[in-house]
Amino acid sequence: MKKIIVIGCGISGLSSAILLRRQGHQVHIVAERLPPQTTSDKAAAFWSPYYINDDRAAGWAIESYYEYKKWAYDRRSGVRLTELHRFGRGDDFGHAAWFRAIPEGIMRPLSERDLPCAYDFGWALTVPLIETQLFMPYLMEQFLGLGGTIEVRRIEQLNSLQNDGDLVVNCSGLAARQLADDELVKPVKGQIVMLDMQLPLPILLDEQEPTYLVQRSDGLLVGGTREEGVYTETTDEPALQDILRRAAVLQPQVMQARRLTQWAGLRPWRPHVRVERSGNLIHNYGHGGSGFTLAWGCAREVVRLAEEW
């Protein structure tokens, strides 16, 4: 049994901490923010590989897919399986990489009559939808129930923790830019509108824009934006109006719906996800907009690296 400190309490930190604790390690999370205040809580959070270039990512995504299927058996988790329709035009950016991460047998092409106007093709597949307002506190409960501990504290330097345990797992997201002195980590801002709508919709996705509609129990999430290098977490009305305009191509009713709220978050993007060990420090960050999609596969890699040390 090792004493392990995990930095961060978003989806990467919690998934790593839970799997490490299941292996019998003593695990303590240290984080400046806990759910519902993390970046992960702001995610639309449906399983779909998004802007990832790492050769290992397809395997991580598939591992995560099957882990969410297990969570979906517990209604309290906020995870359920639903249909996703992904639409594209012409030479769909990221198309090949997306295909590599799809588990065998879960996808079918959409017929022409099922395509919204202006789209050339589409695919339907069954994917996990993770309602973060339910799943994140549920994971906290699971971790604490396993005997894990949590401390709210701002970390200024990684080496300040390296004498507190046998291993430190860095799941600090965007903060890794400073903590790990990693200038490859960059913010990619995303904005979301929540509408007062309950429709019998699959998840609708145009990844090129990106535009998506996600029906949750508390409202319809409509996104989004991909604003690279932007550090502000505020929304702006022109961007929100553009989101709704694009979404109306997929579902015209959104233009008449009452707006409940809106928010923005900063995805911690890196050209290649960093999951590796350096001495008694394991890094797990840089997942961009695929944090939930990759979380459990990356967490298993963290466990493997910890067991090898």
Foldseek 3Di string as FASTA:
>chain_A
DWEEEEEDQALQRLLLLLVLLVVPYAYEYEYQDAPPPDLNVVFQAWAFQAQADAPCQLVLLLLLFVVLVVVQVDVQQQKHKFKEKEFAADPAPCVVVRVSNDDPPFKDWDDPVPDFPPTDTIMMGIIMGGNSNRNSVVSVVSSVVSVYYYDNDDDQEPVVCVVVIQAYEYAPALCCCRHVVDVLWWWWKWKKWFFADADPDTWYFHSVQTWIWDHGPRGIIIYTHTHIRDDDWADDVVRVVVRQVVVCSVPVCSVVTHTDDMTMHIFTAGNHFAAQDDRRYTYGYHSGSNCSSSNNSSSVSNSVRVVVD
